[in-house]
Amino acid sequence: MKPIAILAIFVLLTGVPGWSPSGAKIANHPVTINEFVKQYVAAINARDLAAYRSLASSNSSACINAESHDFYDRMFHVDLRHPLPADYKFTAKDVGKDDSLGFQGYAVFLVRPTQQVQIDYTQGMENPGTVMLWLIQDSSGWSAVFPCATAETLQKFKAKLPEIKANEEKTKALVSGLTEPLRSELIALLKQGKSNTAASRYAQSTGHDHETGMFVVEELEYQLDSGNPPQ
């Protein structure tokens, strides 16, 4: 289950590569879109920061500075929380000069992409997901470009960050506090790809609302994916 976006308006930024102001390097990029997607999925599944960053265009590095680094770093970690299955499908289409790229009022592309790539996958009966990427091609090959968050978006993020961190710690504590038989029931449902059912089961058993259940189930799934299940 892909996690809920930290800011709802940036839910599509689950495809944003992580950067640091001093970490951008010029690299040889994949020569085909098919190869790009393969390398992207491999980097996600390996949680390989260096490989992931190498797929990004240097033209987008201007987005990452002292003011925005925390925002993009958090987006990066959201993106790498869960692997993509081997049976994913992807489509690519040209981006026309008049096509809307979305994010109006929230972010802008410094470099207009020429291709939009959509990766669709399912992690089970209740876990469909989509990753959207925007690519450009130059002499180095195909690379990803991403939009720069506006000053207003960054301000809203910074204002909300303490609440976000507090909720993350609360969620981790709730996962650590899971007891039997509920813990085993949730894990069994996740193994069946029934994350929404697991969230409802948690809410029903604990009295928390369904949204809290979704965060708890996502964190539990992340720990299971990481090979570090709660004891």
C-alpha atoms as a PDB file:
ATOM      1  CA  MET A   1       0.000   0.000   0.000  1.00  0.00           C
ATOM      2  CA  LYS A   2       1.480   3.296  -0.995  1.00  0.00           C
ATOM      3  CA  PRO A   3       1.400   5.664   1.976  1.00  0.00           C
ATOM      4  CA  ILE A   4      -0.904   8.651   2.157  1.00  0.00           C
ATOM      5  CA  ALA A   5       0.922  11.743   0.908  1.00  0.00           C
ATOM      6  CA  ILE A   6       2.237  14.060   3.572  1.00  0.00           C
ATOM      7  CA  LEU A   7       0.475  16.934   1.838  1.00  0.00           C
ATOM      8  CA  ALA A   8      -2.632  15.904  -0.037  1.00  0.00           C
ATOM      9  CA  ILE A   9      -1.944  18.420  -2.788  1.00  0.00           C
ATOM     10  CA  PHE A  10       1.334  16.617  -3.523  1.00  0.00           C
ATOM     11  CA  VAL A  11       0.034  13.062  -3.643  1.00  0.00           C
ATOM     12  CA  LEU A  12       1.521  12.595  -7.137  1.00  0.00           C
ATOM     13  CA  LEU A  13       4.977  13.485  -5.887  1.00  0.00           C
ATOM     14  CA  THR A  14       5.472   9.917  -4.773  1.00  0.00           C
ATOM     15  CA  GLY A  15       7.517   9.747  -7.963  1.00  0.00           C
ATOM     16  CA  VAL A  16       9.892  12.549  -6.980  1.00  0.00           C
ATOM     17  CA  PRO A  17      13.575  11.592  -6.698  1.00  0.00           C
ATOM     18  CA  GLY A  18      15.497  12.682  -3.600  1.00  0.00           C
ATOM     19  CA  TRP A  19      18.239  15.247  -3.943  1.00  0.00           C
ATOM     20  CA  SER A  20      20.627  17.233  -1.831  1.00  0.00           C
ATOM     21  CA  PRO A  21      22.045  20.583  -2.917  1.00  0.00           C
ATOM     22  CA  SER A  22      25.576  19.216  -3.079  1.00  0.00           C
ATOM     23  CA  GLY A  23      24.692  15.708  -4.227  1.00  0.00           C
ATOM     24  CA  ALA A  24      23.661  16.281  -7.839  1.00  0.00           C
ATOM     25  CA  LYS A  25      25.956  14.639 -10.355  1.00  0.00           C
ATOM     26  CA  ILE A  26      25.945  14.439 -14.108  1.00  0.00           C
ATOM     27  CA  ALA A  27      25.312  10.839 -15.094  1.00  0.00           C
ATOM     28  CA  ASN A  28      24.747   8.710 -18.125  1.00  0.00           C
ATOM     29  CA  HIS A  29      21.042   7.984 -18.224  1.00  0.00           C
ATOM     30  CA  PRO A  30      19.061   5.081 -19.711  1.00  0.00           C
ATOM     31  CA  VAL A  31      18.869   5.206 -23.500  1.00  0.00           C
ATOM     32  CA  THR A  32      15.249   3.993 -23.653  1.00  0.00           C
ATOM     33  CA  ILE A  33      12.151   4.679 -21.561  1.00  0.00           C
ATOM     34  CA  ASN A  34      11.770   0.956 -20.962  1.00  0.00           C
ATOM     35  CA  GLU A  35      15.249   0.805 -19.474  1.00  0.00           C
ATOM     36  CA  PHE A  36      14.558   3.928 -17.428  1.00  0.00           C
ATOM     37  CA  VAL A  37      11.486   2.321 -15.846  1.00  0.00           C
ATOM     38  CA  LYS A  38      13.424  -0.881 -15.099  1.00  0.00           C
ATOM     39  CA  GLN A  39      16.162   1.084 -13.347  1.00  0.00           C
ATOM     40  CA  TYR A  40      13.598   3.197 -11.496  1.00  0.00           C
ATOM     41  CA  VAL A  41      11.764   0.149 -10.147  1.00  0.00           C
ATOM     42  CA  ALA A  42      15.053  -1.530  -9.223  1.00  0.00           C
ATOM     43  CA  ALA A  43      16.152   1.560  -7.286  1.00  0.00           C
ATOM     44  CA  ILE A  44      12.808   1.734  -5.474  1.00  0.00           C
ATOM     45  CA  ASN A  45      12.881  -1.923  -4.524  1.00  0.00           C
ATOM     46  CA  ALA A  46      16.494  -1.744  -3.342  1.00  0.00           C
ATOM     47  CA  ARG A  47      15.865   1.549  -1.534  1.00  0.00           C
ATOM     48  CA  ASP A  48      19.011   2.706  -3.270  1.00  0.00           C
ATOM     49  CA  LEU A  49      19.288   6.462  -2.837  1.00  0.00           C
ATOM     50  CA  ALA A  50      22.282   6.843  -5.128  1.00  0.00           C
ATOM     51  CA  ALA A  51      20.687   4.853  -7.954  1.00  0.00           C
ATOM     52  CA  TYR A  52      17.432   6.754  -7.546  1.00  0.00           C
ATOM     53  CA  ARG A  53      19.122  10.145  -7.621  1.00  0.00           C
ATOM     54  CA  SER A  54      21.122   9.179 -10.683  1.00  0.00           C
ATOM     55  CA  LEU A  55      17.894   8.967 -12.718  1.00  0.00           C
ATOM     56  CA  ALA A  56      16.981  12.598 -12.107  1.00  0.00           C
ATOM     57  CA  SER A  57      17.830  15.369 -14.527  1.00  0.00           C
ATOM     58  CA  SER A  58      20.373  17.891 -13.335  1.00  0.00           C
ATOM     59  CA  ASN A  59      18.003  20.540 -14.701  1.00  0.00           C
ATOM     60  CA  SER A  60      15.704  19.920 -11.736  1.00  0.00           C
ATOM     61  CA  SER A  61      18.405  20.427  -9.114  1.00  0.00           C
ATOM     62  CA  ALA A  62      17.528  24.109  -8.827  1.00  0.00           C
ATOM     63  CA  CYS A  63      14.393  23.002  -6.966  1.00  0.00           C
ATOM     64  CA  ILE A  64      16.500  21.714  -4.099  1.00  0.00           C
ATOM     65  CA  ASN A  65      18.000  24.304  -1.798  1.00  0.00           C
ATOM     66  CA  ALA A  66      18.252  25.057   1.894  1.00  0.00           C
ATOM     67  CA  GLU A  67      14.609  26.119   2.006  1.00  0.00           C
ATOM     68  CA  SER A  68      13.153  23.097   0.222  1.00  0.00           C
ATOM     69  CA  HIS A  69      15.532  20.267   1.081  1.00  0.00           C
ATOM     70  CA  ASP A  70      13.424  18.896   3.950  1.00  0.00           C
ATOM     71  CA  PHE A  71      10.328  18.889   1.750  1.00  0.00           C
ATOM     72  CA  TYR A  72      11.927  16.877  -1.051  1.00  0.00           C
ATOM     73  CA  ASP A  73      13.833  14.621   1.321  1.00  0.00           C
ATOM     74  CA  ARG A  74      10.523  13.654   2.939  1.00  0.00           C
ATOM     75  CA  MET A  75       8.892  13.069  -0.423  1.00  0.00           C
ATOM     76  CA  PHE A  76      11.793  10.814  -1.328  1.00  0.00           C
ATOM     77  CA  HIS A  77      11.397   8.714   1.797  1.00  0.00           C
ATOM     78  CA  VAL A  78       7.668   8.355   1.184  1.00  0.00           C
ATOM     79  CA  ASP A  79       8.390   7.071  -2.305  1.00  0.00           C
ATOM     80  CA  LEU A  80      10.813   4.419  -1.117  1.00  0.00           C
ATOM     81  CA  ARG A  81       8.744   3.028   1.725  1.00  0.00           C
ATOM     82  CA  HIS A  82       7.263   0.159  -0.284  1.00  0.00           C
ATOM     83  CA  PRO A  83       8.571  -1.977  -3.162  1.00  0.00           C
ATOM     84  CA  LEU A  84       6.856  -2.285  -6.516  1.00  0.00           C
ATOM     85  CA  PRO A  85       5.821  -5.780  -7.687  1.00  0.00           C
ATOM     86  CA  ALA A  86       7.497  -7.480 -10.623  1.00  0.00           C
ATOM     87  CA  ASP A  87       4.269  -7.554 -12.659  1.00  0.00           C
ATOM     88  CA  TYR A  88       3.903  -3.767 -12.879  1.00  0.00           C
ATOM     89  CA  LYS A  89       2.761  -2.248 -16.167  1.00  0.00           C
ATOM     90  CA  PHE A  90       3.716   1.118 -17.598  1.00  0.00           C
ATOM     91  CA  THR A  91       2.598   3.395 -20.373  1.00  0.00           C
ATOM     92  CA  ALA A  92       4.314   6.435 -21.863  1.00  0.00           C
ATOM     93  CA  LYS A  93       2.838   9.282 -23.852  1.00  0.00           C
ATOM     94  CA  ASP A  94       4.070  12.496 -25.411  1.00  0.00           C
ATOM     95  CA  VAL A  95       3.529  15.702 -23.479  1.00  0.00           C
ATOM     96  CA  GLY A  96       2.126  18.301 -25.862  1.00  0.00           C
ATOM     97  CA  LYS A  97       3.064  21.948 -25.621  1.00  0.00           C
ATOM     98  CA  ASP A  98      -0.471  22.816 -24.502  1.00  0.00           C
ATOM     99  CA  ASP A  99      -1.009  19.835 -22.198  1.00  0.00           C
ATOM    100  CA  SER A 100      -1.659  20.643 -18.552  1.00  0.00           C
ATOM    101  CA  LEU A 101       0.935  19.206 -16.180  1.00  0.00           C
ATOM    102  CA  GLY A 102      -1.100  19.772 -13.055  1.00  0.00           C
ATOM    103  CA  PHE A 103       0.139  21.204  -9.767  1.00  0.00           C
ATOM    104  CA  GLN A 104      -1.264  24.659 -10.600  1.00  0.00           C
ATOM    105  CA  GLY A 105      -0.620  26.948  -7.664  1.00  0.00           C
ATOM    106  CA  TYR A 106       1.431  24.335  -5.826  1.00  0.00           C
ATOM    107  CA  ALA A 107       4.486  23.678  -7.998  1.00  0.00           C
ATOM    108  CA  VAL A 108       5.977  24.491 -11.400  1.00  0.00           C
ATOM    109  CA  PHE A 109       8.270  22.635 -13.789  1.00  0.00           C
ATOM    110  CA  LEU A 110      11.481  24.549 -14.493  1.00  0.00           C
ATOM    111  CA  VAL A 111      12.052  22.240 -17.467  1.00  0.00           C
ATOM    112  CA  ARG A 112       9.008  21.092 -19.413  1.00  0.00           C
ATOM    113  CA  PRO A 113       8.935  17.291 -19.771  1.00  0.00           C
ATOM    114  CA  THR A 114       8.403  15.643 -23.130  1.00  0.00           C
ATOM    115  CA  GLN A 115       7.115  12.293 -21.869  1.00  0.00           C
ATOM    116  CA  GLN A 116       4.680  11.300 -19.135  1.00  0.00           C
ATOM    117  CA  VAL A 117       5.172   7.791 -17.762  1.00  0.00           C
ATOM    118  CA  GLN A 118       2.521   6.045 -15.698  1.00  0.00           C
ATOM    119  CA  ILE A 119       3.413   2.899 -13.752  1.00  0.00           C
ATOM    120  CA  ASP A 120       0.421   0.856 -12.597  1.00  0.00           C
ATOM    121  CA  TYR A 121       0.644  -2.030 -10.166  1.00  0.00           C
ATOM    122  CA  THR A 122      -1.291  -3.956  -7.560  1.00  0.00           C
ATOM    123  CA  GLN A 123      -0.085  -5.384  -4.288  1.00  0.00           C
ATOM    124  CA  GLY A 124      -3.159  -7.529  -3.755  1.00  0.00           C
ATOM    125  CA  MET A 125      -6.930  -7.432  -3.820  1.00  0.00           C
ATOM    126  CA  GLU A 126      -7.189  -3.961  -2.256  1.00  0.00           C
ATOM    127  CA  ASN A 127      -3.856  -2.356  -3.059  1.00  0.00           C
ATOM    128  CA  PRO A 128      -3.753  -0.859  -6.555  1.00  0.00           C
ATOM    129  CA  GLY A 129      -1.239   1.925  -7.063  1.00  0.00           C
ATOM    130  CA  THR A 130       0.046   4.375  -9.647  1.00  0.00           C
ATOM    131  CA  VAL A 131       3.328   6.245  -9.994  1.00  0.00           C
ATOM    132  CA  MET A 132       3.536   9.222 -12.344  1.00  0.00           C
ATOM    133  CA  LEU A 133       6.875  10.336 -13.765  1.00  0.00           C
ATOM    134  CA  TRP A 134       7.847  13.079 -16.199  1.00  0.00           C
ATOM    135  CA  LEU A 135      10.879  12.605 -18.435  1.00  0.00           C
ATOM    136  CA  ILE A 136      13.122  14.482 -20.804  1.00  0.00           C
ATOM    137  CA  GLN A 137      15.685  13.192 -23.281  1.00  0.00           C
ATOM    138  CA  ASP A 138      19.052  14.756 -23.992  1.00  0.00           C
ATOM    139  CA  SER A 139      22.488  13.579 -25.064  1.00  0.00           C
ATOM    140  CA  SER A 140      22.897  11.638 -21.800  1.00  0.00           C
ATOM    141  CA  GLY A 141      19.670   9.662 -22.280  1.00  0.00           C
ATOM    142  CA  TRP A 142      16.297   9.736 -20.499  1.00  0.00           C
ATOM    143  CA  SER A 143      15.998  11.354 -17.075  1.00  0.00           C
ATOM    144  CA  ALA A 144      13.246  12.428 -14.708  1.00  0.00           C
ATOM    145  CA  VAL A 145      12.204  16.015 -14.119  1.00  0.00           C
ATOM    146  CA  PHE A 146      10.023  17.127 -11.257  1.00  0.00           C
ATOM    147  CA  PRO A 147       8.196  20.318 -10.318  1.00  0.00           C
ATOM    148  CA  CYS A 148       9.496  22.882  -7.862  1.00  0.00           C
ATOM    149  CA  ALA A 149       7.241  23.552  -4.917  1.00  0.00           C
ATOM    150  CA  THR A 150       6.087  27.154  -4.670  1.00  0.00           C
ATOM    151  CA  ALA A 151       7.051  29.341  -1.720  1.00  0.00           C
ATOM    152  CA  GLU A 152       3.486  29.062  -0.407  1.00  0.00           C
ATOM    153  CA  THR A 153       3.568  25.269  -0.589  1.00  0.00           C
ATOM    154  CA  LEU A 154       6.860  25.167   1.294  1.00  0.00           C
ATOM    155  CA  GLN A 155       5.495  27.518   3.951  1.00  0.00           C
ATOM    156  CA  LYS A 156       2.451  25.295   4.469  1.00  0.00           C
ATOM    157  CA  PHE A 157       4.686  22.252   4.686  1.00  0.00           C
ATOM    158  CA  LYS A 158       6.943  23.845   7.308  1.00  0.00           C
ATOM    159  CA  ALA A 159       3.937  24.945   9.345  1.00  0.00           C
ATOM    160  CA  LYS A 160       2.521  21.425   9.271  1.00  0.00           C
ATOM    161  CA  LEU A 161       5.804  19.581   9.809  1.00  0.00           C
ATOM    162  CA  PRO A 162       5.640  19.454  13.648  1.00  0.00           C
ATOM    163  CA  GLU A 163       2.165  17.927  13.426  1.00  0.00           C
ATOM    164  CA  ILE A 164       3.354  15.464  10.771  1.00  0.00           C
ATOM    165  CA  LYS A 165       6.269  14.332  12.943  1.00  0.00           C
ATOM    166  CA  ALA A 166       4.056  14.026  16.018  1.00  0.00           C
ATOM    167  CA  ASN A 167       1.587  11.873  14.091  1.00  0.00           C
ATOM    168  CA  GLU A 168       4.416   9.674  12.819  1.00  0.00           C
ATOM    169  CA  GLU A 169       5.644   9.048  16.363  1.00  0.00           C
ATOM    170  CA  LYS A 170       2.086   8.363  17.507  1.00  0.00           C
ATOM    171  CA  THR A 171       1.615   5.866  14.692  1.00  0.00           C
ATOM    172  CA  LYS A 172       4.866   4.055  15.503  1.00  0.00           C
ATOM    173  CA  ALA A 173       3.794   3.819  19.146  1.00  0.00           C
ATOM    174  CA  LEU A 174       0.428   2.356  18.140  1.00  0.00           C
ATOM    175  CA  VAL A 175       2.154  -0.243  15.965  1.00  0.00           C
ATOM    176  CA  SER A 176       4.564  -1.119  18.776  1.00  0.00           C
ATOM    177  CA  GLY A 177       1.576  -1.500  21.081  1.00  0.00           C
ATOM    178  CA  LEU A 178      -0.220  -4.047  18.919  1.00  0.00           C
ATOM    179  CA  THR A 179      -1.101  -7.181  20.851  1.00  0.00           C
ATOM    180  CA  GLU A 180      -2.298 -10.633  19.894  1.00  0.00           C
ATOM    181  CA  PRO A 181      -4.480 -11.748  18.294  1.00  0.00           C
ATOM    182  CA  LEU A 182      -4.978  -8.405  16.498  1.00  0.00           C
ATOM    183  CA  ARG A 183      -1.354  -8.138  15.402  1.00  0.00           C
ATOM    184  CA  SER A 184      -1.412 -11.528  13.683  1.00  0.00           C
ATOM    185  CA  GLU A 185      -4.813 -10.798  12.141  1.00  0.00           C
ATOM    186  CA  LEU A 186      -3.511  -7.567  10.579  1.00  0.00           C
ATOM    187  CA  ILE A 187      -0.364  -9.234   9.257  1.00  0.00           C
ATOM    188  CA  ALA A 188      -2.428 -12.038   7.716  1.00  0.00           C
ATOM    189  CA  LEU A 189      -4.686  -9.509   5.985  1.00  0.00           C
ATOM    190  CA  LEU A 190      -1.673  -7.597   4.653  1.00  0.00           C
ATOM    191  CA  LYS A 191      -0.194 -10.781   3.231  1.00  0.00           C
ATOM    192  CA  GLN A 192      -3.477 -11.231   1.358  1.00  0.00           C
ATOM    193  CA  GLY A 193      -3.241  -7.688  -0.039  1.00  0.00           C
ATOM    194  CA  LYS A 194      -6.183  -6.497   2.071  1.00  0.00           C
ATOM    195  CA  SER A 195      -4.834  -3.289   3.572  1.00  0.00           C
ATOM    196  CA  ASN A 196      -8.197  -1.508   3.655  1.00  0.00           C
ATOM    197  CA  THR A 197      -9.808  -4.445   5.435  1.00  0.00           C
ATOM    198  CA  ALA A 198      -6.893  -4.463   7.877  1.00  0.00           C
ATOM    199  CA  ALA A 199      -7.392  -0.744   8.597  1.00  0.00           C
ATOM    200  CA  SER A 200     -11.103  -1.342   9.234  1.00  0.00           C
ATOM    201  CA  ARG A 201     -10.295  -4.298  11.484  1.00  0.00           C
ATOM    202  CA  TYR A 202      -7.880  -2.177  13.487  1.00  0.00           C
ATOM    203  CA  ALA A 203     -10.411   0.634  13.863  1.00  0.00           C
ATOM    204  CA  GLN A 204     -13.128  -1.786  14.909  1.00  0.00           C
ATOM    205  CA  SER A 205     -10.909  -3.478  17.488  1.00  0.00           C
ATOM    206  CA  THR A 206      -9.372  -0.367  19.031  1.00  0.00           C
ATOM    207  CA  GLY A 207     -12.004   2.340  18.697  1.00  0.00           C
ATOM    208  CA  HIS A 208      -9.717   4.527  16.589  1.00  0.00           C
ATOM    209  CA  ASP A 209     -11.064   6.034  13.375  1.00  0.00           C
ATOM    210  CA  HIS A 210     -10.414   4.488   9.957  1.00  0.00           C
ATOM    211  CA  GLU A 211      -7.819   7.130   9.028  1.00  0.00           C
ATOM    212  CA  THR A 212      -5.736   6.204  12.052  1.00  0.00           C
ATOM    213  CA  GLY A 213      -6.170   2.579  11.064  1.00  0.00           C
ATOM    214  CA  MET A 214      -4.793   3.331   7.601  1.00  0.00           C
ATOM    215  CA  PHE A 215      -1.686   4.979   9.044  1.00  0.00           C
ATOM    216  CA  VAL A 216      -1.124   2.113  11.478  1.00  0.00           C
ATOM    217  CA  VAL A 217      -1.512  -0.503   8.752  1.00  0.00           C
ATOM    218  CA  GLU A 218       0.825   1.409   6.413  1.00  0.00           C
ATOM    219  CA  GLU A 219       3.490   1.627   9.132  1.00  0.00           C
ATOM    220  CA  LEU A 220       3.056  -2.060   9.970  1.00  0.00           C
ATOM    221  CA  GLU A 221       3.419  -2.945   6.296  1.00  0.00           C
ATOM    222  CA  TYR A 222       6.539  -0.770   6.029  1.00  0.00           C
ATOM    223  CA  GLN A 223       8.103  -2.588   8.979  1.00  0.00           C
ATOM    224  CA  LEU A 224       7.243  -5.943   7.451  1.00  0.00           C
ATOM    225  CA  ASP A 225       8.715  -4.885   4.087  1.00  0.00           C
ATOM    226  CA  SER A 226      11.852  -3.775   5.919  1.00  0.00           C
ATOM    227  CA  GLY A 227      12.235  -7.147   7.618  1.00  0.00           C
ATOM    228  CA  ASN A 228      11.731  -5.481  10.979  1.00  0.00           C
ATOM    229  CA  PRO A 229       8.248  -6.471  12.173  1.00  0.00           C
ATOM    230  CA  PRO A 230       7.073  -5.192  15.568  1.00  0.00           C
ATOM    231  CA  GLN A 231       7.723  -7.610  18.423  1.00  0.00           C
END
